[in-house]
Amino acid sequence: MYLIRVHTEVTGDAWFPEFDESQWRQLERIDCEADERNAYAHSFVILERTECLDSDK
């Protein structure tokens, strides 16, 4: 799973669905600070599933 995590709290009605992070391991993470092009610090994260769920069998 490829995620961009924005490090802030905002008001809105759209969000990424919750998932059990214990079933995933982080393969890569790139942290980026806020700058003139990006108002908020953020991270690019690549996750790989570590456990098979019953619905995936």
C-alpha atoms as a PDB file:
ATOM      1  CA  MET A   1       0.000   0.000   0.000  1.00  0.00           C
ATOM      2  CA  TYR A   2       1.322   3.430  -0.912  1.00  0.00           C
ATOM      3  CA  LEU A   3       0.354   6.254   1.466  1.00  0.00           C
ATOM      4  CA  ILE A   4       1.055   9.924   1.787  1.00  0.00           C
ATOM      5  CA  ARG A   5       0.624  10.896   5.427  1.00  0.00           C
ATOM      6  CA  VAL A   6       0.089  14.619   5.931  1.00  0.00           C
ATOM      7  CA  HIS A   7       1.193  15.648   9.421  1.00  0.00           C
ATOM      8  CA  THR A   8      -1.659  17.951  10.447  1.00  0.00           C
ATOM      9  CA  GLU A   9      -5.293  17.876  11.543  1.00  0.00           C
ATOM     10  CA  VAL A  10      -7.877  19.377   9.177  1.00  0.00           C
ATOM     11  CA  THR A  11     -11.629  19.725   9.141  1.00  0.00           C
ATOM     12  CA  GLY A  12     -13.316  17.899   6.296  1.00  0.00           C
ATOM     13  CA  ASP A  13     -15.542  15.032   5.237  1.00  0.00           C
ATOM     14  CA  ALA A  14     -13.055  12.877   3.294  1.00  0.00           C
ATOM     15  CA  TRP A  15     -10.536  10.481   4.842  1.00  0.00           C
ATOM     16  CA  PHE A  16      -8.658   7.246   4.223  1.00  0.00           C
ATOM     17  CA  PRO A  17     -10.433   4.199   5.737  1.00  0.00           C
ATOM     18  CA  GLU A  18      -8.984   2.863   8.977  1.00  0.00           C
ATOM     19  CA  PHE A  19      -6.889  -0.301   8.699  1.00  0.00           C
ATOM     20  CA  ASP A  20      -5.093  -2.592  11.160  1.00  0.00           C
ATOM     21  CA  GLU A  21      -1.504  -1.352  11.016  1.00  0.00           C
ATOM     22  CA  SER A  22      -0.300  -4.467  12.869  1.00  0.00           C
ATOM     23  CA  GLN A  23      -0.982  -6.443   9.655  1.00  0.00           C
ATOM     24  CA  TRP A  24       1.427  -4.311   7.630  1.00  0.00           C
ATOM     25  CA  ARG A  25       5.153  -3.688   7.715  1.00  0.00           C
ATOM     26  CA  GLN A  26       6.825  -0.537   6.533  1.00  0.00           C
ATOM     27  CA  LEU A  27       9.159  -1.076   3.568  1.00  0.00           C
ATOM     28  CA  GLU A  28      10.105   2.530   2.976  1.00  0.00           C
ATOM     29  CA  ARG A  29       9.419   5.991   4.389  1.00  0.00           C
ATOM     30  CA  ILE A  30      10.495   9.394   3.115  1.00  0.00           C
ATOM     31  CA  ASP A  31       9.791  12.312   5.470  1.00  0.00           C
ATOM     32  CA  CYS A  32       9.419  15.797   3.973  1.00  0.00           C
ATOM     33  CA  GLU A  33       9.290  19.075   5.856  1.00  0.00           C
ATOM     34  CA  ALA A  34       6.883  21.900   5.064  1.00  0.00           C
ATOM     35  CA  ASP A  35       8.372  24.345   2.584  1.00  0.00           C
ATOM     36  CA  GLU A  36       7.389  27.039   0.074  1.00  0.00           C
ATOM     37  CA  ARG A  37       5.606  24.430  -2.119  1.00  0.00           C
ATOM     38  CA  ASN A  38       4.034  22.298   0.652  1.00  0.00           C
ATOM     39  CA  ALA A  39       2.215  23.916   3.555  1.00  0.00           C
ATOM     40  CA  TYR A  40       2.437  20.781   5.735  1.00  0.00           C
ATOM     41  CA  ALA A  41       5.115  18.262   6.595  1.00  0.00           C
ATOM     42  CA  HIS A  42       4.295  14.862   5.089  1.00  0.00           C
ATOM     43  CA  SER A  43       5.650  11.348   4.619  1.00  0.00           C
ATOM     44  CA  PHE A  44       5.599   8.974   1.662  1.00  0.00           C
ATOM     45  CA  VAL A  45       5.142   5.467   3.093  1.00  0.00           C
ATOM     46  CA  ILE A  46       5.195   2.050   1.408  1.00  0.00           C
ATOM     47  CA  LEU A  47       3.597  -0.789   3.386  1.00  0.00           C
ATOM     48  CA  GLU A  48       3.430  -4.520   2.721  1.00  0.00           C
ATOM     49  CA  ARG A  49       0.792  -6.808   4.235  1.00  0.00           C
ATOM     50  CA  THR A  50       2.302  -9.326   6.656  1.00  0.00           C
ATOM     51  CA  GLU A  51      -0.750 -11.410   7.537  1.00  0.00           C
ATOM     52  CA  CYS A  52      -3.484 -12.967   5.434  1.00  0.00           C
ATOM     53  CA  LEU A  53      -7.015 -12.006   6.452  1.00  0.00           C
ATOM     54  CA  ASP A  54      -9.847 -14.574   6.449  1.00  0.00           C
ATOM     55  CA  SER A  55     -11.565 -12.684   3.613  1.00  0.00           C
ATOM     56  CA  ASP A  56      -8.394 -12.997   1.480  1.00  0.00           C
ATOM     57  CA  LYS A  57      -8.251 -16.824   1.604  1.00  0.00           C
END
